[in-house]
């Protein structure tokens, strides 16, 4: 037996159980309102495991990331972005991506504005 681990020449075996967060964060609600000159985008998100990291707002037609908002905690949290296009070219197709601290990602459905209805 070894009384002092720091000066012990015997091998010491340590076992650790690590739970990895493999669950993607949740997008509880995504809204895109307004237009044609200003659009208000908002996403309500939560991540009860490793915690939230960031939310990205995207426009699909242009393949363009509009903004990134850093978030922390587990949520639910509402994150907002106002999009003011330089030259309005409707329709727009907006979506969000939410990332957690473990590297998991969720992507919302796409919202078309103005809508076809």
N, C-alpha and C. Protein backbone atom coordinates (compact mmCIF):
# COMPACT_ATOMS: atom_id res chain seq x y z
N UNK A 1 0.84 -1.19 0.00
CA UNK A 1 0.00 0.00 0.00
C UNK A 1 0.87 1.24 0.00
N UNK A 2 0.31 2.27 -0.49
CA UNK A 2 1.05 3.53 -0.61
C UNK A 2 0.32 4.58 0.21
N UNK A 3 1.03 5.18 1.17
CA UNK A 3 0.39 6.17 2.05
C UNK A 3 0.36 7.57 1.45
N UNK A 4 1.32 7.90 0.61
CA UNK A 4 1.40 9.23 0.02
C UNK A 4 1.40 9.09 -1.50
N UNK A 5 0.29 9.46 -2.14
CA UNK A 5 0.15 9.30 -3.58
C UNK A 5 1.21 10.07 -4.35
N UNK A 6 1.63 11.23 -3.86
CA UNK A 6 2.59 12.07 -4.57
C UNK A 6 3.98 11.44 -4.64
N UNK A 7 4.34 10.66 -3.66
CA UNK A 7 5.67 10.05 -3.67
C UNK A 7 5.60 8.53 -3.87
N UNK A 8 4.49 8.04 -4.27
CA UNK A 8 4.26 6.61 -4.43
C UNK A 8 4.75 6.14 -5.79
N UNK A 9 5.44 5.00 -5.82
CA UNK A 9 5.89 4.47 -7.09
C UNK A 9 4.93 3.41 -7.62
N UNK A 10 3.92 3.07 -6.84
CA UNK A 10 2.92 2.12 -7.30
C UNK A 10 1.96 2.82 -8.26
N UNK A 11 1.40 2.03 -9.18
CA UNK A 11 0.43 2.59 -10.11
C UNK A 11 -0.89 2.82 -9.39
N UNK A 12 -1.47 3.96 -9.67
CA UNK A 12 -2.77 4.30 -9.10
C UNK A 12 -3.76 4.37 -10.25
N UNK A 13 -4.83 3.62 -10.15
CA UNK A 13 -5.83 3.60 -11.21
C UNK A 13 -7.04 4.41 -10.76
N UNK A 14 -7.42 5.37 -11.60
CA UNK A 14 -8.58 6.21 -11.32
C UNK A 14 -9.62 5.97 -12.41
N UNK A 15 -10.84 5.79 -12.02
CA UNK A 15 -11.94 5.62 -12.98
C UNK A 15 -12.87 6.82 -12.90
N UNK A 16 -13.22 7.36 -14.06
CA UNK A 16 -14.14 8.49 -14.13
C UNK A 16 -15.28 8.14 -15.07
N UNK A 17 -16.46 8.49 -14.71
CA UNK A 17 -17.61 8.39 -15.59
C UNK A 17 -17.96 9.80 -16.03
N UNK A 18 -17.91 10.04 -17.32
CA UNK A 18 -18.21 11.37 -17.86
C UNK A 18 -19.46 11.25 -18.72
N UNK A 19 -20.45 12.04 -18.38
CA UNK A 19 -21.68 12.08 -19.17
C UNK A 19 -21.54 13.18 -20.21
N UNK A 20 -21.54 12.80 -21.47
CA UNK A 20 -21.42 13.78 -22.55
C UNK A 20 -22.82 14.20 -23.00
N UNK A 21 -22.98 15.49 -23.16
CA UNK A 21 -24.25 16.03 -23.66
C UNK A 21 -24.30 15.80 -25.17
N UNK A 22 -25.18 14.92 -25.60
CA UNK A 22 -25.35 14.65 -27.03
C UNK A 22 -26.72 15.09 -27.53
N UNK A 23 -27.46 15.80 -26.67
CA UNK A 23 -28.79 16.26 -27.06
C UNK A 23 -28.72 17.70 -27.57
N UNK A 24 -29.35 17.91 -28.71
CA UNK A 24 -29.35 19.24 -29.30
C UNK A 24 -30.23 20.19 -28.50
N UNK A 25 -29.87 21.48 -28.49
CA UNK A 25 -30.72 22.47 -27.82
C UNK A 25 -32.07 22.56 -28.52
N UNK A 26 -33.05 23.10 -27.82
CA UNK A 26 -34.42 23.18 -28.38
C UNK A 26 -34.75 24.60 -28.80
N UNK A 27 -35.42 24.69 -29.93
CA UNK A 27 -35.99 25.96 -30.39
C UNK A 27 -37.47 25.87 -30.06
N UNK A 28 -37.88 26.60 -29.04
CA UNK A 28 -39.26 26.54 -28.58
C UNK A 28 -40.19 27.33 -29.49
N UNK A 29 -39.68 28.45 -30.02
CA UNK A 29 -40.50 29.30 -30.90
C UNK A 29 -39.57 30.14 -31.76
N UNK A 30 -39.92 30.30 -33.03
CA UNK A 30 -39.19 31.19 -33.93
C UNK A 30 -40.20 32.02 -34.69
N UNK A 31 -40.02 33.36 -34.65
CA UNK A 31 -40.95 34.27 -35.32
C UNK A 31 -40.17 35.21 -36.23
N UNK A 32 -40.79 35.54 -37.37
CA UNK A 32 -40.26 36.55 -38.29
C UNK A 32 -41.44 37.43 -38.67
N UNK A 33 -41.40 38.69 -38.24
CA UNK A 33 -42.53 39.60 -38.46
C UNK A 33 -42.04 40.88 -39.12
N UNK A 34 -42.97 41.59 -39.75
CA UNK A 34 -42.65 42.88 -40.34
C UNK A 34 -42.44 42.80 -41.83
N UNK A 35 -41.67 43.77 -42.33
CA UNK A 35 -41.36 43.83 -43.75
C UNK A 35 -42.12 44.97 -44.42
N UNK A 36 -41.76 45.38 -45.60
CA UNK A 36 -40.64 44.85 -46.36
C UNK A 36 -39.31 45.53 -46.05
N UNK A 37 -39.33 46.61 -45.24
CA UNK A 37 -38.08 47.33 -44.96
C UNK A 37 -37.41 46.91 -43.66
N UNK A 38 -38.19 46.40 -42.72
CA UNK A 38 -37.65 45.97 -41.43
C UNK A 38 -38.33 44.68 -41.00
N UNK A 39 -37.53 43.73 -40.57
CA UNK A 39 -38.04 42.44 -40.09
C UNK A 39 -37.57 42.22 -38.66
N UNK A 40 -38.49 41.86 -37.80
CA UNK A 40 -38.17 41.53 -36.41
C UNK A 40 -38.13 40.02 -36.28
N UNK A 41 -36.95 39.48 -35.98
CA UNK A 41 -36.76 38.05 -35.82
C UNK A 41 -36.55 37.74 -34.34
N UNK A 42 -37.19 36.69 -33.85
CA UNK A 42 -36.97 36.30 -32.45
C UNK A 42 -37.04 34.78 -32.33
N UNK A 43 -36.21 34.27 -31.44
CA UNK A 43 -36.16 32.83 -31.19
C UNK A 43 -36.16 32.61 -29.68
N UNK A 44 -37.04 31.74 -29.23
CA UNK A 44 -37.06 31.33 -27.82
C UNK A 44 -36.40 29.95 -27.76
N UNK A 45 -35.30 29.85 -27.01
CA UNK A 45 -34.48 28.64 -27.00
C UNK A 45 -34.20 28.19 -25.57
N UNK A 46 -33.86 26.89 -25.46
CA UNK A 46 -33.42 26.38 -24.16
C UNK A 46 -32.51 25.18 -24.36
N UNK A 47 -31.67 24.94 -23.35
CA UNK A 47 -30.72 23.83 -23.39
C UNK A 47 -30.43 23.42 -21.95
N UNK A 48 -31.13 22.44 -21.42
CA UNK A 48 -31.01 22.10 -20.00
C UNK A 48 -29.78 21.26 -19.65
N UNK A 49 -28.96 20.89 -20.61
CA UNK A 49 -27.84 20.00 -20.33
C UNK A 49 -26.53 20.77 -20.17
N UNK A 50 -25.84 21.05 -21.26
CA UNK A 50 -24.55 21.74 -21.17
C UNK A 50 -24.68 23.26 -21.14
N UNK A 51 -25.84 23.78 -21.50
CA UNK A 51 -26.05 25.23 -21.51
C UNK A 51 -25.95 25.82 -22.90
N UNK A 52 -26.61 26.94 -23.08
CA UNK A 52 -26.64 27.63 -24.37
C UNK A 52 -25.32 28.34 -24.66
N UNK A 53 -24.98 28.46 -25.95
CA UNK A 53 -23.78 29.18 -26.35
C UNK A 53 -24.10 30.37 -27.25
N UNK A 54 -24.81 30.10 -28.37
CA UNK A 54 -25.11 31.19 -29.30
C UNK A 54 -26.31 30.84 -30.17
N UNK A 55 -26.90 31.90 -30.74
CA UNK A 55 -27.99 31.78 -31.71
C UNK A 55 -27.56 32.56 -32.95
N UNK A 56 -27.72 31.92 -34.12
CA UNK A 56 -27.42 32.58 -35.38
C UNK A 56 -28.72 32.79 -36.16
N UNK A 57 -28.88 33.98 -36.74
CA UNK A 57 -30.02 34.30 -37.60
C UNK A 57 -29.54 34.26 -39.04
N UNK A 58 -30.28 33.54 -39.91
CA UNK A 58 -29.88 33.32 -41.29
C UNK A 58 -30.99 33.72 -42.26
N UNK A 59 -30.57 34.06 -43.49
CA UNK A 59 -31.50 34.27 -44.60
C UNK A 59 -31.10 33.30 -45.70
N UNK A 60 -32.01 32.36 -46.00
CA UNK A 60 -31.70 31.23 -46.88
C UNK A 60 -31.49 31.62 -48.34
N UNK A 61 -32.31 32.52 -48.89
CA UNK A 61 -32.23 32.87 -50.30
C UNK A 61 -30.85 33.42 -50.64
N UNK A 62 -30.30 34.24 -49.75
CA UNK A 62 -28.97 34.82 -49.96
C UNK A 62 -27.85 33.92 -49.42
N UNK A 63 -28.23 32.89 -48.64
CA UNK A 63 -27.22 32.05 -47.99
C UNK A 63 -26.37 32.86 -47.04
N UNK A 64 -27.01 33.77 -46.33
CA UNK A 64 -26.28 34.77 -45.56
C UNK A 64 -26.61 34.68 -44.07
N UNK A 65 -25.55 34.63 -43.25
CA UNK A 65 -25.74 34.75 -41.81
C UNK A 65 -25.92 36.22 -41.49
N UNK A 66 -27.07 36.55 -40.90
CA UNK A 66 -27.39 37.95 -40.62
C UNK A 66 -26.77 38.44 -39.32
N UNK A 67 -26.77 37.57 -38.29
CA UNK A 67 -26.27 37.99 -36.99
C UNK A 67 -26.02 36.78 -36.10
N UNK A 68 -25.13 36.98 -35.14
CA UNK A 68 -24.88 35.98 -34.08
C UNK A 68 -25.10 36.67 -32.75
N UNK A 69 -25.84 36.00 -31.89
CA UNK A 69 -26.08 36.51 -30.53
C UNK A 69 -25.57 35.47 -29.54
N UNK A 70 -24.63 35.87 -28.69
CA UNK A 70 -24.15 34.97 -27.65
C UNK A 70 -25.18 34.89 -26.53
N UNK A 71 -25.39 33.69 -26.02
CA UNK A 71 -26.33 33.48 -24.92
C UNK A 71 -25.67 32.55 -23.92
N UNK A 72 -26.16 32.58 -22.69
CA UNK A 72 -25.62 31.71 -21.66
C UNK A 72 -26.76 31.18 -20.81
N UNK A 73 -26.44 30.26 -19.94
CA UNK A 73 -27.46 29.67 -19.08
C UNK A 73 -28.19 28.57 -19.82
N UNK A 74 -29.27 28.13 -19.22
CA UNK A 74 -30.03 27.03 -19.78
C UNK A 74 -31.33 27.47 -20.46
N UNK A 75 -31.81 28.64 -20.13
CA UNK A 75 -33.04 29.14 -20.73
C UNK A 75 -34.26 28.64 -19.98
N UNK A 76 -35.43 28.86 -20.54
CA UNK A 76 -35.63 29.43 -21.87
C UNK A 76 -35.23 30.91 -21.93
N UNK A 77 -34.68 31.28 -23.08
CA UNK A 77 -34.27 32.65 -23.35
C UNK A 77 -34.80 33.07 -24.70
N UNK A 78 -35.22 34.32 -24.81
CA UNK A 78 -35.67 34.87 -26.08
C UNK A 78 -34.56 35.77 -26.62
N UNK A 79 -34.14 35.50 -27.85
CA UNK A 79 -33.06 36.23 -28.50
C UNK A 79 -33.67 36.92 -29.73
N UNK A 80 -33.31 38.20 -29.93
CA UNK A 80 -33.94 38.97 -31.00
C UNK A 80 -32.91 39.61 -31.92
N UNK A 81 -33.37 39.85 -33.14
CA UNK A 81 -32.54 40.55 -34.13
C UNK A 81 -33.47 41.31 -35.07
N UNK A 82 -33.09 42.53 -35.40
CA UNK A 82 -33.83 43.33 -36.37
C UNK A 82 -33.03 43.40 -37.66
N UNK A 83 -33.66 42.96 -38.74
CA UNK A 83 -33.01 42.94 -40.06
C UNK A 83 -33.57 44.08 -40.90
N UNK A 84 -32.67 44.96 -41.33
CA UNK A 84 -33.02 46.08 -42.20
C UNK A 84 -32.26 45.90 -43.52
N UNK A 85 -32.88 45.26 -44.51
CA UNK A 85 -32.17 45.04 -45.78
C UNK A 85 -31.88 46.37 -46.48
N UNK A 86 -30.69 46.44 -47.12
CA UNK A 86 -30.31 47.66 -47.85
C UNK A 86 -31.26 47.91 -49.01
N UNK A 87 -31.50 46.90 -49.80
CA UNK A 87 -32.47 46.97 -50.89
C UNK A 87 -33.39 45.76 -50.76
N UNK A 88 -34.60 45.98 -50.28
CA UNK A 88 -35.51 44.86 -50.05
C UNK A 88 -35.73 44.02 -51.31
N UNK A 89 -35.48 42.72 -51.18
CA UNK A 89 -35.68 41.76 -52.28
C UNK A 89 -36.49 40.60 -51.72
N UNK A 90 -37.78 40.78 -51.68
CA UNK A 90 -38.63 39.75 -51.11
C UNK A 90 -38.90 38.67 -52.15
N UNK A 91 -39.30 37.48 -51.77
CA UNK A 91 -39.49 37.09 -50.38
C UNK A 91 -38.17 36.67 -49.73
N UNK A 92 -38.15 36.79 -48.40
CA UNK A 92 -37.03 36.32 -47.61
C UNK A 92 -37.40 35.00 -46.96
N UNK A 93 -36.41 34.17 -46.74
CA UNK A 93 -36.61 32.90 -46.05
C UNK A 93 -35.65 32.87 -44.86
N UNK A 94 -36.22 33.11 -43.68
CA UNK A 94 -35.41 33.21 -42.47
C UNK A 94 -35.40 31.90 -41.70
N UNK A 95 -34.29 31.64 -41.02
CA UNK A 95 -34.21 30.52 -40.07
C UNK A 95 -33.14 30.83 -39.03
N UNK A 96 -33.14 30.07 -37.95
CA UNK A 96 -32.15 30.24 -36.89
C UNK A 96 -31.45 28.91 -36.63
N UNK A 97 -30.22 29.05 -36.12
CA UNK A 97 -29.46 27.90 -35.61
C UNK A 97 -29.11 28.23 -34.16
N UNK A 98 -29.28 27.25 -33.27
CA UNK A 98 -28.91 27.44 -31.88
C UNK A 98 -27.86 26.39 -31.52
N UNK A 99 -26.83 26.84 -30.82
CA UNK A 99 -25.68 26.00 -30.46
C UNK A 99 -25.60 25.89 -28.94
N UNK A 100 -25.23 24.69 -28.45
CA UNK A 100 -24.98 24.56 -27.01
C UNK A 100 -23.47 24.45 -26.78
N UNK A 101 -23.07 24.46 -25.53
CA UNK A 101 -21.64 24.45 -25.17
C UNK A 101 -20.98 23.12 -25.48
N UNK A 102 -21.75 22.06 -25.71
CA UNK A 102 -21.18 20.75 -26.04
C UNK A 102 -20.99 20.59 -27.55
N UNK A 103 -21.39 21.61 -28.34
CA UNK A 103 -21.21 21.54 -29.78
C UNK A 103 -22.42 21.02 -30.55
N UNK A 104 -23.52 20.79 -29.86
CA UNK A 104 -24.74 20.34 -30.53
C UNK A 104 -25.45 21.53 -31.17
N UNK A 105 -26.14 21.29 -32.29
CA UNK A 105 -26.80 22.36 -33.05
C UNK A 105 -28.22 21.95 -33.41
N UNK A 106 -29.14 22.90 -33.32
CA UNK A 106 -30.50 22.72 -33.85
C UNK A 106 -30.77 23.82 -34.86
N UNK A 107 -31.51 23.47 -35.90
CA UNK A 107 -31.88 24.43 -36.94
C UNK A 107 -33.40 24.48 -37.04
N UNK A 108 -33.94 25.69 -37.06
CA UNK A 108 -35.40 25.87 -37.15
C UNK A 108 -35.91 25.57 -38.54
N UNK A 109 -37.22 25.48 -38.65
CA UNK A 109 -37.86 25.48 -39.95
C UNK A 109 -37.67 26.87 -40.56
N UNK A 110 -37.80 26.97 -41.87
CA UNK A 110 -37.66 28.24 -42.56
C UNK A 110 -39.00 28.97 -42.58
N UNK A 111 -38.95 30.28 -42.31
CA UNK A 111 -40.16 31.12 -42.38
C UNK A 111 -40.01 32.07 -43.57
N UNK A 112 -40.97 32.02 -44.47
CA UNK A 112 -40.94 32.87 -45.66
C UNK A 112 -41.72 34.16 -45.37
N UNK A 113 -41.10 35.31 -45.67
CA UNK A 113 -41.75 36.61 -45.48
C UNK A 113 -41.54 37.46 -46.71
N UNK A 114 -42.56 38.07 -47.32
CA UNK A 114 -43.94 37.86 -46.90
C UNK A 114 -44.37 36.43 -47.22
N UNK A 115 -45.30 35.94 -46.43
CA UNK A 115 -45.79 34.59 -46.62
C UNK A 115 -46.69 34.53 -47.84
N UNK A 116 -46.94 33.32 -48.32
CA UNK A 116 -47.78 33.15 -49.51
C UNK A 116 -49.27 33.28 -49.20
N UNK A 117 -49.61 33.26 -47.92
CA UNK A 117 -51.05 33.29 -47.56
C UNK A 117 -51.62 34.68 -47.62
